[in-house]
Amino acid sequence: MNKEKDIHLTDAEFDKALQSSNPVLVDFWAPWCGPCRMMSPIIDELAKEYEGKADIYKLNIDENSQVPTKYSIRSIPTMIIFKNGQAVERIVGGLSKIALEEKLDIYTS
């Protein structure tokens, strides 16, 4: 199974993804965004490393406009961590893998 494909969310799949009992991190991005492209391999790695502890997804804002509008995404990359379906943390801009792990660990411990 191609894990890369599994982490891409659409507007239609978003609400179902938030029903997870795990914390959910959603990376709002676009292909033309340089910082988003820099974050992409970090998000991919974390999706594998946190499997079973957190659900990590990417949502392309160019292809999906409803969810970014609902959550007032004004700049990208923006990552939102959800717990029990509620947004608990918003991270705007690029972040190191270690810094992102520290944020996730707050909600997975």
PDB file of N, CA and C in Angstrom:
ATOM      1  N   MET A   1       0.848  -1.192   0.000  1.00  0.00           N
ATOM      2  CA  MET A   1       0.000   0.000   0.000  1.00  0.00           C
ATOM      3  C   MET A   1       0.884   1.242   0.000  1.00  0.00           C
ATOM      4  N   ASN A   2       0.538   2.204  -0.781  1.00  0.00           N
ATOM      5  CA  ASN A   2       1.319   3.427  -0.902  1.00  0.00           C
ATOM      6  C   ASN A   2       0.916   4.404   0.204  1.00  0.00           C
ATOM      7  N   LYS A   3       1.749   4.522   1.241  1.00  0.00           N
ATOM      8  CA  LYS A   3       1.436   5.380   2.386  1.00  0.00           C
ATOM      9  C   LYS A   3       1.323   6.842   1.972  1.00  0.00           C
ATOM     10  N   GLU A   4       2.123   7.271   1.008  1.00  0.00           N
ATOM     11  CA  GLU A   4       2.068   8.662   0.530  1.00  0.00           C
ATOM     12  C   GLU A   4       0.650   9.025   0.100  1.00  0.00           C
ATOM     13  N   LYS A   5       0.001   8.152  -0.629  1.00  0.00           N
ATOM     14  CA  LYS A   5      -1.362   8.395  -1.113  1.00  0.00           C
ATOM     15  C   LYS A   5      -2.349   8.450   0.052  1.00  0.00           C
ATOM     16  N   ASP A   6      -2.135   7.623   1.056  1.00  0.00           N
ATOM     17  CA  ASP A   6      -3.053   7.512   2.185  1.00  0.00           C
ATOM     18  C   ASP A   6      -3.189   8.797   2.999  1.00  0.00           C
ATOM     19  N   ILE A   7      -2.172   9.646   2.995  1.00  0.00           N
ATOM     20  CA  ILE A   7      -2.220  10.806   3.876  1.00  0.00           C
ATOM     21  C   ILE A   7      -2.835  12.040   3.218  1.00  0.00           C
ATOM     22  N   HIS A   8      -3.230  11.943   1.975  1.00  0.00           N
ATOM     23  CA  HIS A   8      -3.858  13.081   1.301  1.00  0.00           C
ATOM     24  C   HIS A   8      -5.361  13.072   1.549  1.00  0.00           C
ATOM     25  N   LEU A   9      -5.851  14.143   2.129  1.00  0.00           N
ATOM     26  CA  LEU A   9      -7.266  14.298   2.455  1.00  0.00           C
ATOM     27  C   LEU A   9      -7.955  15.199   1.444  1.00  0.00           C
ATOM     28  N   THR A  10      -9.254  15.025   1.314  1.00  0.00           N
ATOM     29  CA  THR A  10     -10.083  15.934   0.534  1.00  0.00           C
ATOM     30  C   THR A  10     -11.110  16.564   1.474  1.00  0.00           C
ATOM     31  N   ASP A  11     -11.787  17.593   0.987  1.00  0.00           N
ATOM     32  CA  ASP A  11     -12.874  18.190   1.759  1.00  0.00           C
ATOM     33  C   ASP A  11     -13.879  17.123   2.194  1.00  0.00           C
ATOM     34  N   ALA A  12     -14.197  16.210   1.280  1.00  0.00           N
ATOM     35  CA  ALA A  12     -15.217  15.187   1.533  1.00  0.00           C
ATOM     36  C   ALA A  12     -14.800  14.209   2.630  1.00  0.00           C
ATOM     37  N   GLU A  13     -13.510  13.956   2.769  1.00  0.00           N
ATOM     38  CA  GLU A  13     -13.009  12.980   3.748  1.00  0.00           C
ATOM     39  C   GLU A  13     -12.676  13.597   5.102  1.00  0.00           C
ATOM     40  N   PHE A  14     -12.647  14.918   5.162  1.00  0.00           N
ATOM     41  CA  PHE A  14     -12.118  15.626   6.324  1.00  0.00           C
ATOM     42  C   PHE A  14     -12.849  15.284   7.623  1.00  0.00           C
ATOM     43  N   ASP A  15     -14.169  15.410   7.643  1.00  0.00           N
ATOM     44  CA  ASP A  15     -14.921  15.169   8.881  1.00  0.00           C
ATOM     45  C   ASP A  15     -14.728  13.751   9.392  1.00  0.00           C
ATOM     46  N   LYS A  16     -14.673  12.796   8.484  1.00  0.00           N
ATOM     47  CA  LYS A  16     -14.462  11.397   8.893  1.00  0.00           C
ATOM     48  C   LYS A  16     -13.081  11.230   9.525  1.00  0.00           C
ATOM     49  N   ALA A  17     -12.068  11.892   8.973  1.00  0.00           N
ATOM     50  CA  ALA A  17     -10.709  11.799   9.521  1.00  0.00           C
ATOM     51  C   ALA A  17     -10.652  12.327  10.949  1.00  0.00           C
ATOM     52  N   LEU A  18     -11.444  13.353  11.243  1.00  0.00           N
ATOM     53  CA  LEU A  18     -11.447  13.937  12.592  1.00  0.00           C
ATOM     54  C   LEU A  18     -12.114  13.050  13.623  1.00  0.00           C
ATOM     55  N   GLN A  19     -12.819  12.015  13.205  1.00  0.00           N
ATOM     56  CA  GLN A  19     -13.491  11.110  14.131  1.00  0.00           C
ATOM     57  C   GLN A  19     -12.526  10.119  14.784  1.00  0.00           C
ATOM     58  N   SER A  20     -11.270  10.169  14.416  1.00  0.00           N
ATOM     59  CA  SER A  20     -10.272   9.261  14.969  1.00  0.00           C
ATOM     60  C   SER A  20     -10.145   9.445  16.477  1.00  0.00           C
ATOM     61  N   SER A  21      -9.843   8.366  17.173  1.00  0.00           N
ATOM     62  CA  SER A  21      -9.577   8.467  18.611  1.00  0.00           C
ATOM     63  C   SER A  21      -8.167   9.016  18.865  1.00  0.00           C
ATOM     64  N   ASN A  22      -7.334   9.011  17.834  1.00  0.00           N
ATOM     65  CA  ASN A  22      -5.984   9.585  17.927  1.00  0.00           C
ATOM     66  C   ASN A  22      -6.040  11.088  17.661  1.00  0.00           C
ATOM     67  N   PRO A  23      -5.032  11.831  18.139  1.00  0.00           N
ATOM     68  CA  PRO A  23      -4.899  13.213  17.684  1.00  0.00           C
ATOM     69  C   PRO A  23      -4.701  13.208  16.161  1.00  0.00           C
ATOM     70  N   VAL A  24      -5.169  14.257  15.507  1.00  0.00           N
ATOM     71  CA  VAL A  24      -5.082  14.358  14.051  1.00  0.00           C
ATOM     72  C   VAL A  24      -4.349  15.652  13.709  1.00  0.00           C
ATOM     73  N   LEU A  25      -3.291  15.546  12.907  1.00  0.00           N
ATOM     74  CA  LEU A  25      -2.594  16.726  12.408  1.00  0.00           C
ATOM     75  C   LEU A  25      -2.914  16.849  10.926  1.00  0.00           C
ATOM     76  N   VAL A  26      -3.371  18.025  10.516  1.00  0.00           N
ATOM     77  CA  VAL A  26      -3.637  18.268   9.099  1.00  0.00           C
ATOM     78  C   VAL A  26      -2.720  19.393   8.634  1.00  0.00           C
ATOM     79  N   ASP A  27      -1.953  19.102   7.591  1.00  0.00           N
ATOM     80  CA  ASP A  27      -1.061  20.074   6.960  1.00  0.00           C
ATOM     81  C   ASP A  27      -1.797  20.667   5.758  1.00  0.00           C
ATOM     82  N   PHE A  28      -2.120  21.959   5.841  1.00  0.00           N
ATOM     83  CA  PHE A  28      -2.749  22.671   4.728  1.00  0.00           C
ATOM     84  C   PHE A  28      -1.629  23.222   3.854  1.00  0.00           C
ATOM     85  N   TRP A  29      -1.614  22.840   2.583  1.00  0.00           N
ATOM     86  CA  TRP A  29      -0.480  23.150   1.703  1.00  0.00           C
ATOM     87  C   TRP A  29      -0.962  23.385   0.273  1.00  0.00           C
ATOM     88  N   ALA A  30      -0.031  23.777  -0.579  1.00  0.00           N
ATOM     89  CA  ALA A  30      -0.266  23.885  -2.023  1.00  0.00           C
ATOM     90  C   ALA A  30       1.051  23.585  -2.742  1.00  0.00           C
ATOM     91  N   PRO A  31       0.986  23.024  -3.949  1.00  0.00           N
ATOM     92  CA  PRO A  31       2.194  22.642  -4.683  1.00  0.00           C
ATOM     93  C   PRO A  31       3.119  23.813  -5.014  1.00  0.00           C
ATOM     94  N   TRP A  32       2.587  25.013  -5.156  1.00  0.00           N
ATOM     95  CA  TRP A  32       3.389  26.180  -5.532  1.00  0.00           C
ATOM     96  C   TRP A  32       4.086  26.828  -4.333  1.00  0.00           C
ATOM     97  N   CYS A  33       3.827  26.359  -3.135  1.00  0.00           N
ATOM     98  CA  CYS A  33       4.336  26.960  -1.901  1.00  0.00           C
ATOM     99  C   CYS A  33       5.692  26.351  -1.530  1.00  0.00           C
ATOM    100  N   GLY A  34       6.751  27.164  -1.599  1.00  0.00           N
ATOM    101  CA  GLY A  34       8.100  26.680  -1.276  1.00  0.00           C
ATOM    102  C   GLY A  34       8.221  26.115   0.127  1.00  0.00           C
ATOM    103  N   PRO A  35       7.807  26.849   1.172  1.00  0.00           N
ATOM    104  CA  PRO A  35       7.890  26.299   2.526  1.00  0.00           C
ATOM    105  C   PRO A  35       7.062  25.012   2.688  1.00  0.00           C
ATOM    106  N   CYS A  36       5.949  24.914   1.954  1.00  0.00           N
ATOM    107  CA  CYS A  36       5.143  23.688   2.010  1.00  0.00           C
ATOM    108  C   CYS A  36       5.940  22.503   1.461  1.00  0.00           C
ATOM    109  N   ARG A  37       6.663  22.744   0.369  1.00  0.00           N
ATOM    110  CA  ARG A  37       7.474  21.674  -0.220  1.00  0.00           C
ATOM    111  C   ARG A  37       8.600  21.262   0.727  1.00  0.00           C
ATOM    112  N   MET A  38       9.114  22.219   1.489  1.00  0.00           N
ATOM    113  CA  MET A  38      10.160  21.883   2.477  1.00  0.00           C
ATOM    114  C   MET A  38       9.574  21.056   3.624  1.00  0.00           C
ATOM    115  N   MET A  39       8.331  21.311   3.989  1.00  0.00           N
ATOM    116  CA  MET A  39       7.688  20.571   5.077  1.00  0.00           C
ATOM    117  C   MET A  39       7.228  19.173   4.647  1.00  0.00           C
ATOM    118  N   SER A  40       6.993  18.986   3.367  1.00  0.00           N
ATOM    119  CA  SER A  40       6.410  17.741   2.869  1.00  0.00           C
ATOM    120  C   SER A  40       7.143  16.473   3.325  1.00  0.00           C
ATOM    121  N   PRO A  41       8.487  16.397   3.187  1.00  0.00           N
ATOM    122  CA  PRO A  41       9.150  15.164   3.638  1.00  0.00           C
ATOM    123  C   PRO A  41       9.045  14.971   5.153  1.00  0.00           C
ATOM    124  N   ILE A  42       8.994  16.053   5.910  1.00  0.00           N
ATOM    125  CA  ILE A  42       8.854  15.952   7.370  1.00  0.00           C
ATOM    126  C   ILE A  42       7.479  15.377   7.711  1.00  0.00           C
ATOM    127  N   ILE A  43       6.448  15.883   7.045  1.00  0.00           N
ATOM    128  CA  ILE A  43       5.087  15.381   7.269  1.00  0.00           C
ATOM    129  C   ILE A  43       5.018  13.898   6.903  1.00  0.00           C
ATOM    130  N   ASP A  44       5.625  13.523   5.777  1.00  0.00           N
ATOM    131  CA  ASP A  44       5.635  12.117   5.346  1.00  0.00           C
ATOM    132  C   ASP A  44       6.303  11.234   6.399  1.00  0.00           C
ATOM    133  N   GLU A  45       7.449  11.670   6.923  1.00  0.00           N
ATOM    134  CA  GLU A  45       8.167  10.892   7.941  1.00  0.00           C
ATOM    135  C   GLU A  45       7.340  10.754   9.212  1.00  0.00           C
ATOM    136  N   LEU A  46       6.750  11.861   9.655  1.00  0.00           N
ATOM    137  CA  LEU A  46       5.955  11.824  10.882  1.00  0.00           C
ATOM    138  C   LEU A  46       4.732  10.926  10.729  1.00  0.00           C
ATOM    139  N   ALA A  47       4.139  10.902   9.537  1.00  0.00           N
ATOM    140  CA  ALA A  47       2.975  10.040   9.303  1.00  0.00           C
ATOM    141  C   ALA A  47       3.339   8.581   9.549  1.00  0.00           C
ATOM    142  N   LYS A  48       4.544   8.193   9.159  1.00  0.00           N
ATOM    143  CA  LYS A  48       5.000   6.817   9.378  1.00  0.00           C
ATOM    144  C   LYS A  48       5.377   6.597  10.838  1.00  0.00           C
ATOM    145  N   GLU A  49       6.126   7.536  11.410  1.00  0.00           N
ATOM    146  CA  GLU A  49       6.628   7.379  12.773  1.00  0.00           C
ATOM    147  C   GLU A  49       5.525   7.420  13.830  1.00  0.00           C
ATOM    148  N   TYR A  50       4.480   8.167  13.581  1.00  0.00           N
ATOM    149  CA  TYR A  50       3.402   8.308  14.560  1.00  0.00           C
ATOM    150  C   TYR A  50       2.213   7.388  14.266  1.00  0.00           C
ATOM    151  N   GLU A  51       2.385   6.470  13.320  1.00  0.00           N
ATOM    152  CA  GLU A  51       1.299   5.549  12.990  1.00  0.00           C
ATOM    153  C   GLU A  51       0.838   4.826  14.250  1.00  0.00           C
ATOM    154  N   GLY A  52      -0.461   4.871  14.506  1.00  0.00           N
ATOM    155  CA  GLY A  52      -1.016   4.256  15.714  1.00  0.00           C
ATOM    156  C   GLY A  52      -1.125   5.220  16.888  1.00  0.00           C
ATOM    157  N   LYS A  53      -0.338   6.320  16.850  1.00  0.00           N
ATOM    158  CA  LYS A  53      -0.377   7.316  17.933  1.00  0.00           C
ATOM    159  C   LYS A  53      -1.064   8.605  17.506  1.00  0.00           C
ATOM    160  N   ALA A  54      -0.925   8.961  16.234  1.00  0.00           N
ATOM    161  CA  ALA A  54      -1.538  10.177  15.686  1.00  0.00           C
ATOM    162  C   ALA A  54      -1.809   9.932  14.209  1.00  0.00           C
ATOM    163  N   ASP A  55      -2.840  10.567  13.697  1.00  0.00           N
ATOM    164  CA  ASP A  55      -3.169  10.484  12.280  1.00  0.00           C
ATOM    165  C   ASP A  55      -2.718  11.782  11.634  1.00  0.00           C
ATOM    166  N   ILE A  56      -1.881  11.658  10.606  1.00  0.00           N
ATOM    167  CA  ILE A  56      -1.283  12.832   9.978  1.00  0.00           C
ATOM    168  C   ILE A  56      -1.681  12.862   8.509  1.00  0.00           C
ATOM    169  N   TYR A  57      -2.202  14.017   8.097  1.00  0.00           N
ATOM    170  CA  TYR A  57      -2.727  14.179   6.745  1.00  0.00           C
ATOM    171  C   TYR A  57      -2.229  15.471   6.116  1.00  0.00           C
ATOM    172  N   LYS A  58      -2.353  15.517   4.787  1.00  0.00           N
ATOM    173  CA  LYS A  58      -2.102  16.729   4.001  1.00  0.00           C
ATOM    174  C   LYS A  58      -3.394  17.069   3.272  1.00  0.00           C
ATOM    175  N   LEU A  59      -3.712  18.366   3.210  1.00  0.00           N
ATOM    176  CA  LEU A  59      -4.887  18.810   2.464  1.00  0.00           C
ATOM    177  C   LEU A  59      -4.455  19.920   1.520  1.00  0.00           C
ATOM    178  N   ASN A  60      -4.550  19.649   0.222  1.00  0.00           N
ATOM    179  CA  ASN A  60      -4.154  20.609  -0.812  1.00  0.00           C
ATOM    180  C   ASN A  60      -5.240  21.681  -0.915  1.00  0.00           C
ATOM    181  N   ILE A  61      -4.897  22.920  -0.560  1.00  0.00           N
ATOM    182  CA  ILE A  61      -5.895  23.990  -0.533  1.00  0.00           C
ATOM    183  C   ILE A  61      -6.336  24.422  -1.930  1.00  0.00           C
ATOM    184  N   ASP A  62      -5.543  24.130  -2.958  1.00  0.00           N
ATOM    185  CA  ASP A  62      -5.936  24.469  -4.331  1.00  0.00           C
ATOM    186  C   ASP A  62      -7.041  23.539  -4.834  1.00  0.00           C
ATOM    187  N   GLU A  63      -7.029  22.298  -4.373  1.00  0.00           N
ATOM    188  CA  GLU A  63      -8.006  21.305  -4.826  1.00  0.00           C
ATOM    189  C   GLU A  63      -9.197  21.193  -3.874  1.00  0.00           C
ATOM    190  N   ASN A  64      -9.047  21.708  -2.664  1.00  0.00           N
ATOM    191  CA  ASN A  64     -10.076  21.602  -1.632  1.00  0.00           C
ATOM    192  C   ASN A  64     -10.208  22.955  -0.945  1.00  0.00           C
ATOM    193  N   SER A  65     -11.311  23.639  -1.162  1.00  0.00           N
ATOM    194  CA  SER A  65     -11.437  24.993  -0.613  1.00  0.00           C
ATOM    195  C   SER A  65     -12.374  25.091   0.587  1.00  0.00           C
ATOM    196  N   GLN A  66     -13.251  24.117   0.782  1.00  0.00           N
ATOM    197  CA  GLN A  66     -14.231  24.216   1.860  1.00  0.00           C
ATOM    198  C   GLN A  66     -13.596  24.187   3.245  1.00  0.00           C
ATOM    199  N   VAL A  67     -12.755  23.197   3.514  1.00  0.00           N
ATOM    200  CA  VAL A  67     -12.148  23.060   4.845  1.00  0.00           C
ATOM    201  C   VAL A  67     -11.205  24.228   5.148  1.00  0.00           C
ATOM    202  N   PRO A  68     -10.320  24.629   4.215  1.00  0.00           N
ATOM    203  CA  PRO A  68      -9.474  25.796   4.512  1.00  0.00           C
ATOM    204  C   PRO A  68     -10.293  27.055   4.810  1.00  0.00           C
ATOM    205  N   THR A  69     -11.413  27.229   4.127  1.00  0.00           N
ATOM    206  CA  THR A  69     -12.279  28.378   4.397  1.00  0.00           C
ATOM    207  C   THR A  69     -12.884  28.256   5.793  1.00  0.00           C
ATOM    208  N   LYS A  70     -13.368  27.075   6.133  1.00  0.00           N
ATOM    209  CA  LYS A  70     -13.986  26.838   7.452  1.00  0.00           C
ATOM    210  C   LYS A  70     -13.023  27.154   8.590  1.00  0.00           C
ATOM    211  N   TYR A  71     -11.734  26.806   8.405  1.00  0.00           N
ATOM    212  CA  TYR A  71     -10.731  27.008   9.454  1.00  0.00           C
ATOM    213  C   TYR A  71      -9.901  28.272   9.242  1.00  0.00           C
ATOM    214  N   SER A  72     -10.362  29.149   8.367  1.00  0.00           N
ATOM    215  CA  SER A  72      -9.723  30.456   8.131  1.00  0.00           C
ATOM    216  C   SER A  72      -8.230  30.340   7.858  1.00  0.00           C
ATOM    217  N   ILE A  73      -7.876  29.444   6.948  1.00  0.00           N
ATOM    218  CA  ILE A  73      -6.478  29.285   6.553  1.00  0.00           C
ATOM    219  C   ILE A  73      -6.124  30.479   5.670  1.00  0.00           C
ATOM    220  N   ARG A  74      -5.232  31.336   6.158  1.00  0.00           N
ATOM    221  CA  ARG A  74      -4.860  32.562   5.438  1.00  0.00           C
ATOM    222  C   ARG A  74      -3.450  32.494   4.850  1.00  0.00           C
ATOM    223  N   SER A  75      -2.610  31.653   5.434  1.00  0.00           N
ATOM    224  CA  SER A  75      -1.261  31.484   4.893  1.00  0.00           C
ATOM    225  C   SER A  75      -0.880  30.015   5.044  1.00  0.00           C
ATOM    226  N   ILE A  76       0.019  29.598   4.182  1.00  0.00           N
ATOM    227  CA  ILE A  76       0.460  28.201   4.216  1.00  0.00           C
ATOM    228  C   ILE A  76       1.975  28.148   4.236  1.00  0.00           C
ATOM    229  N   PRO A  77       2.562  27.105   4.795  1.00  0.00           N
ATOM    230  CA  PRO A  77       1.865  25.987   5.412  1.00  0.00           C
ATOM    231  C   PRO A  77       1.238  26.377   6.756  1.00  0.00           C
ATOM    232  N   THR A  78       0.064  25.845   6.986  1.00  0.00           N
ATOM    233  CA  THR A  78      -0.580  25.907   8.294  1.00  0.00           C
ATOM    234  C   THR A  78      -0.900  24.477   8.675  1.00  0.00           C
ATOM    235  N   MET A  79      -0.557  24.108   9.885  1.00  0.00           N
ATOM    236  CA  MET A  79      -0.884  22.789  10.404  1.00  0.00           C
ATOM    237  C   MET A  79      -1.793  22.977  11.605  1.00  0.00           C
ATOM    238  N   ILE A  80      -2.849  22.198  11.653  1.00  0.00           N
ATOM    239  CA  ILE A  80      -3.751  22.238  12.795  1.00  0.00           C
ATOM    240  C   ILE A  80      -3.784  20.845  13.419  1.00  0.00           C
ATOM    241  N   ILE A  81      -3.630  20.812  14.742  1.00  0.00           N
ATOM    242  CA  ILE A  81      -3.757  19.558  15.481  1.00  0.00           C
ATOM    243  C   ILE A  81      -5.164  19.538  16.082  1.00  0.00           C
ATOM    244  N   PHE A  82      -5.849  18.435  15.844  1.00  0.00           N
ATOM    245  CA  PHE A  82      -7.203  18.235  16.364  1.00  0.00           C
ATOM    246  C   PHE A  82      -7.175  17.113  17.394  1.00  0.00           C
ATOM    247  N   LYS A  83      -7.932  17.278  18.446  1.00  0.00           N
ATOM    248  CA  LYS A  83      -8.097  16.216  19.436  1.00  0.00           C
ATOM    249  C   LYS A  83      -9.595  16.135  19.718  1.00  0.00           C
ATOM    250  N   ASN A  84     -10.145  14.922  19.631  1.00  0.00           N
ATOM    251  CA  ASN A  84     -11.588  14.705  19.802  1.00  0.00           C
ATOM    252  C   ASN A  84     -12.394  15.599  18.857  1.00  0.00           C
ATOM    253  N   GLY A  85     -11.888  15.776  17.642  1.00  0.00           N
ATOM    254  CA  GLY A  85     -12.596  16.541  16.625  1.00  0.00           C
ATOM    255  C   GLY A  85     -12.486  18.055  16.749  1.00  0.00           C
ATOM    256  N   GLN A  86     -11.800  18.527  17.787  1.00  0.00           N
ATOM    257  CA  GLN A  86     -11.673  19.969  18.020  1.00  0.00           C
ATOM    258  C   GLN A  86     -10.245  20.430  17.737  1.00  0.00           C
ATOM    259  N   ALA A  87     -10.114  21.596  17.103  1.00  0.00           N
ATOM    260  CA  ALA A  87      -8.788  22.168  16.863  1.00  0.00           C
ATOM    261  C   ALA A  87      -8.190  22.575  18.206  1.00  0.00           C
ATOM    262  N   VAL A  88      -7.002  22.053  18.517  1.00  0.00           N
ATOM    263  CA  VAL A  88      -6.355  22.370  19.793  1.00  0.00           C
ATOM    264  C   VAL A  88      -5.070  23.163  19.615  1.00  0.00           C
ATOM    265  N   GLU A  89      -4.509  23.135  18.418  1.00  0.00           N
ATOM    266  CA  GLU A  89      -3.283  23.894  18.170  1.00  0.00           C
ATOM    267  C   GLU A  89      -3.166  24.213  16.691  1.00  0.00           C
ATOM    268  N   ARG A  90      -2.706  25.437  16.407  1.00  0.00           N
ATOM    269  CA  ARG A  90      -2.499  25.899  15.030  1.00  0.00           C
ATOM    270  C   ARG A  90      -1.048  26.325  14.914  1.00  0.00           C
ATOM    271  N   ILE A  91      -0.378  25.809  13.892  1.00  0.00           N
ATOM    272  CA  ILE A  91       1.028  26.127  13.635  1.00  0.00           C
ATOM    273  C   ILE A  91       1.092  26.747  12.245  1.00  0.00           C
ATOM    274  N   VAL A  92       1.553  27.979  12.162  1.00  0.00           N
ATOM    275  CA  VAL A  92       1.638  28.665  10.875  1.00  0.00           C
ATOM    276  C   VAL A  92       3.103  28.809  10.507  1.00  0.00           C
ATOM    277  N   GLY A  93       3.457  28.373   9.292  1.00  0.00           N
ATOM    278  CA  GLY A  93       4.835  28.458   8.825  1.00  0.00           C
ATOM    279  C   GLY A  93       5.566  27.148   8.996  1.00  0.00           C
ATOM    280  N   GLY A  94       6.764  27.116   8.448  1.00  0.00           N
ATOM    281  CA  GLY A  94       7.585  25.925   8.529  1.00  0.00           C
ATOM    282  C   GLY A  94       8.102  25.690   9.939  1.00  0.00           C
ATOM    283  N   LEU A  95       8.377  24.451  10.241  1.00  0.00           N
ATOM    284  CA  LEU A  95       8.857  24.057  11.555  1.00  0.00           C
ATOM    285  C   LEU A  95       9.838  22.909  11.366  1.00  0.00           C
ATOM    286  N   SER A  96      10.823  22.803  12.234  1.00  0.00           N
ATOM    287  CA  SER A  96      11.734  21.659  12.156  1.00  0.00           C
ATOM    288  C   SER A  96      10.990  20.395  12.568  1.00  0.00           C
ATOM    289  N   LYS A  97      11.525  19.265  12.170  1.00  0.00           N
ATOM    290  CA  LYS A  97      10.901  17.991  12.537  1.00  0.00           C
ATOM    291  C   LYS A  97      10.851  17.854  14.054  1.00  0.00           C
ATOM    292  N   ILE A  98      11.938  18.219  14.725  1.00  0.00           N
ATOM    293  CA  ILE A  98      11.990  18.097  16.188  1.00  0.00           C
ATOM    294  C   ILE A  98      10.924  18.976  16.847  1.00  0.00           C
ATOM    295  N   ALA A  99      10.779  20.209  16.366  1.00  0.00           N
ATOM    296  CA  ALA A  99       9.774  21.116  16.942  1.00  0.00           C
ATOM    297  C   ALA A  99       8.359  20.584  16.713  1.00  0.00           C
ATOM    298  N   LEU A 100       8.113  20.018  15.548  1.00  0.00           N
ATOM    299  CA  LEU A 100       6.791  19.464  15.257  1.00  0.00           C
ATOM    300  C   LEU A 100       6.527  18.221  16.108  1.00  0.00           C
ATOM    301  N   GLU A 101       7.555  17.399  16.305  1.00  0.00           N
ATOM    302  CA  GLU A 101       7.422  16.231  17.180  1.00  0.00           C
ATOM    303  C   GLU A 101       7.073  16.667  18.606  1.00  0.00           C
ATOM    304  N   GLU A 102       7.719  17.736  19.088  1.00  0.00           N
ATOM    305  CA  GLU A 102       7.431  18.230  20.432  1.00  0.00           C
ATOM    306  C   GLU A 102       5.960  18.657  20.550  1.00  0.00           C
ATOM    307  N   LYS A 103       5.435  19.306  19.510  1.00  0.00           N
ATOM    308  CA  LYS A 103       4.017  19.701  19.512  1.00  0.00           C
ATOM    309  C   LYS A 103       3.122  18.475  19.534  1.00  0.00           C
ATOM    310  N   LEU A 104       3.416  17.491  18.673  1.00  0.00           N
ATOM    311  CA  LEU A 104       2.603  16.287  18.613  1.00  0.00           C
ATOM    312  C   LEU A 104       2.649  15.487  19.914  1.00  0.00           C
ATOM    313  N   ASP A 105       3.818  15.447  20.521  1.00  0.00           N
ATOM    314  CA  ASP A 105       3.990  14.653  21.744  1.00  0.00           C
ATOM    315  C   ASP A 105       3.120  15.164  22.889  1.00  0.00           C
ATOM    316  N   ILE A 106       2.797  16.443  22.885  1.00  0.00           N
ATOM    317  CA  ILE A 106       1.905  17.004  23.909  1.00  0.00           C
ATOM    318  C   ILE A 106       0.554  16.282  23.857  1.00  0.00           C
ATOM    319  N   TYR A 107       0.094  15.967  22.649  1.00  0.00           N
ATOM    320  CA  TYR A 107      -1.239  15.402  22.463  1.00  0.00           C
ATOM    321  C   TYR A 107      -1.260  13.888  22.355  1.00  0.00           C
ATOM    322  N   THR A 108      -0.092  13.265  22.199  1.00  0.00           N
ATOM    323  CA  THR A 108      -0.057  11.805  22.061  1.00  0.00           C
ATOM    324  C   THR A 108       0.366  11.107  23.349  1.00  0.00           C
ATOM    325  N   SER A 109       0.847  11.845  24.329  1.00  0.00           N
ATOM    326  CA  SER A 109       1.315  11.212  25.575  1.00  0.00           C
ATOM    327  C   SER A 109       0.172  10.967  26.525  1.00  0.00           C
TER     328      SER A 109
END
